[in-house]
């Protein structure tokens, strides 16, 4: 009777050992197959934000700093003339460039100052076009 009780125990122990050696051997020889990356909708949104955010920050920085390359007000002196009481655009043009055609000077003054009419007010400051500056 004692032989019957030992046989199942030995058989069970040997089967456990055999199963573990088979498992160990199979894990050594198997190579993990490459898994395909699967992104959920939320994962795609996170990736999109991570890619877009630095671009948006860079664009905002360029827009906000775009005026850095322009000249400062102290670099250039813009010649101006102040209209006195009783002066017209024609008289201002004649005084600015007596050697030039007054009609041409009036047209240049209107263009440079973006005037909608030839009416002037006393104290109004007009920008003098470059070619008529001293």
Protein backbone atom coordinates (compact mmCIF):
# COMPACT_ATOMS: atom_id res chain seq x y z
CA UNK A 1 0.00 0.00 0.00
CA UNK A 2 2.80 2.35 0.57
CA UNK A 3 3.92 1.99 -3.01
CA UNK A 4 0.54 3.19 -4.19
CA UNK A 5 0.68 6.31 -2.07
CA UNK A 6 4.15 7.29 -3.23
CA UNK A 7 3.54 6.79 -6.92
CA UNK A 8 1.00 9.59 -7.40
CA UNK A 9 3.15 11.99 -5.41
CA UNK A 10 6.21 11.19 -7.46
CA UNK A 11 4.22 11.38 -10.65
CA UNK A 12 2.79 14.72 -9.67
CA UNK A 13 6.18 16.09 -8.74
CA UNK A 14 7.75 14.85 -11.96
CA UNK A 15 4.92 16.32 -14.04
CA UNK A 16 5.31 19.70 -12.36
CA UNK A 17 9.03 19.64 -13.04
CA UNK A 18 8.46 18.63 -16.64
CA UNK A 19 5.88 21.36 -17.16
CA UNK A 20 8.15 24.03 -15.71
CA UNK A 21 11.08 22.92 -17.88
CA UNK A 22 8.87 23.01 -20.97
CA UNK A 23 7.68 26.49 -20.03
CA UNK A 24 11.25 27.66 -19.42
CA UNK A 25 12.42 26.21 -22.71
CA UNK A 26 9.56 27.76 -24.66
CA UNK A 27 10.10 31.22 -23.14
CA UNK A 28 13.76 31.16 -24.11
CA UNK A 29 13.10 30.30 -27.74
CA UNK A 30 10.12 32.55 -28.37
CA UNK A 31 10.72 36.09 -29.54
CA UNK A 32 8.17 38.72 -28.62
CA UNK A 33 6.38 39.77 -31.76
CA UNK A 34 6.36 43.52 -32.35
CA UNK A 35 3.09 45.00 -31.23
CA UNK A 36 1.32 47.56 -33.33
CA UNK A 37 0.92 50.94 -31.66
CA UNK A 38 -2.74 51.64 -31.15
CA UNK A 39 -3.82 55.13 -30.18
CA UNK A 40 -7.22 55.93 -28.82
CA UNK A 41 -9.06 59.09 -29.72
CA UNK A 42 -7.81 60.69 -26.52
CA UNK A 43 -4.24 59.60 -27.30
CA UNK A 44 -4.42 61.12 -30.77
CA UNK A 45 -5.74 64.35 -29.23
CA UNK A 46 -2.85 64.46 -26.75
CA UNK A 47 -0.30 63.89 -29.54
CA UNK A 48 -1.94 66.60 -31.65
CA UNK A 49 -1.78 69.06 -28.76
CA UNK A 50 1.84 68.20 -28.01
CA UNK A 51 2.80 68.83 -31.63
CA UNK A 52 0.64 71.91 -32.16
CA UNK A 53 1.33 73.73 -28.89
CA UNK A 54 5.04 74.52 -29.53
CA UNK A 55 4.19 75.68 -33.05
CA UNK A 56 1.45 77.96 -31.73
CA UNK A 57 3.76 79.38 -29.07
CA UNK A 58 6.48 80.03 -31.65
CA UNK A 59 3.99 81.72 -33.97
CA UNK A 60 2.64 83.90 -31.16
CA UNK A 61 6.18 84.90 -30.18
CA UNK A 62 6.98 85.89 -33.76
CA UNK A 63 3.78 87.92 -34.08
CA UNK A 64 4.28 89.70 -30.77
CA UNK A 65 7.94 90.40 -31.45
CA UNK A 66 7.47 91.37 -35.10
CA UNK A 67 8.04 95.07 -34.44
CA UNK A 68 11.55 94.50 -33.11
CA UNK A 69 13.15 95.00 -36.52
CA UNK A 70 11.48 98.34 -37.22
CA UNK A 71 13.27 101.62 -36.70
CA UNK A 72 12.85 103.43 -33.43
CA UNK A 73 11.32 106.92 -33.45
CA UNK A 74 14.70 108.51 -32.70
CA UNK A 75 16.34 107.08 -35.82
CA UNK A 76 14.57 109.20 -38.42
CA UNK A 77 13.45 112.80 -38.35
CA UNK A 78 10.31 113.35 -40.36
CA UNK A 79 10.07 116.91 -41.66
CA UNK A 80 6.74 118.57 -40.91
CA UNK A 81 5.11 121.93 -41.39
CA UNK A 82 2.41 123.46 -39.18
CA UNK A 83 -0.45 125.22 -40.92
CA UNK A 84 -0.94 128.85 -39.84
CA UNK A 85 -4.26 130.69 -39.80
CA UNK A 86 -5.34 131.72 -43.30
CA UNK A 87 -3.00 129.35 -45.15
CA UNK A 88 -4.25 127.01 -47.84
CA UNK A 89 -2.74 123.84 -49.17
CA UNK A 90 -1.72 125.77 -52.28
CA UNK A 91 0.16 128.43 -50.29
CA UNK A 92 1.89 125.78 -48.13
CA UNK A 93 2.96 123.93 -51.30
CA UNK A 94 4.26 127.14 -52.90
CA UNK A 95 6.29 127.98 -49.79
CA UNK A 96 7.74 124.44 -49.52
CA UNK A 97 9.02 124.14 -53.08
CA UNK A 98 8.96 127.39 -55.04
CA UNK A 99 11.06 125.84 -57.84
CA UNK A 100 8.62 122.90 -58.39
CA UNK A 101 5.16 122.85 -59.90
CA UNK A 102 2.74 123.86 -57.15
CA UNK A 103 0.11 121.41 -58.41
CA UNK A 104 2.61 118.53 -58.11
CA UNK A 105 3.57 119.58 -54.58
CA UNK A 106 -0.12 119.80 -53.59
CA UNK A 107 -0.72 116.29 -54.96
CA UNK A 108 2.31 114.95 -53.07
CA UNK A 109 1.16 116.64 -49.84
CA UNK A 110 -2.31 115.11 -50.20
CA UNK A 111 -0.80 111.65 -50.80
CA UNK A 112 1.77 111.86 -48.00
CA UNK A 113 -0.78 113.03 -45.43
CA UNK A 114 -3.70 110.95 -46.72
CA UNK A 115 -5.92 114.01 -46.94
CA UNK A 116 -9.47 113.59 -48.24
CA UNK A 117 -9.73 117.23 -49.29
CA UNK A 118 -7.58 120.34 -49.66
CA UNK A 119 -9.15 121.98 -46.60
CA UNK A 120 -6.68 122.73 -43.81
CA UNK A 121 -7.16 123.80 -40.21
CA UNK A 122 -4.87 126.19 -38.31
CA UNK A 123 -2.40 124.17 -36.21
CA UNK A 124 -2.67 121.10 -38.43
CA UNK A 125 0.67 119.36 -38.85
CA UNK A 126 1.53 118.14 -42.37
CA UNK A 127 4.27 115.69 -43.24
CA UNK A 128 6.56 117.09 -45.92
CA UNK A 129 7.44 114.57 -48.65
CA UNK A 130 11.17 113.69 -48.75
CA UNK A 131 11.91 115.34 -52.08
CA UNK A 132 10.72 118.74 -50.76
CA UNK A 133 12.55 118.58 -47.42
CA UNK A 134 15.55 120.86 -47.04
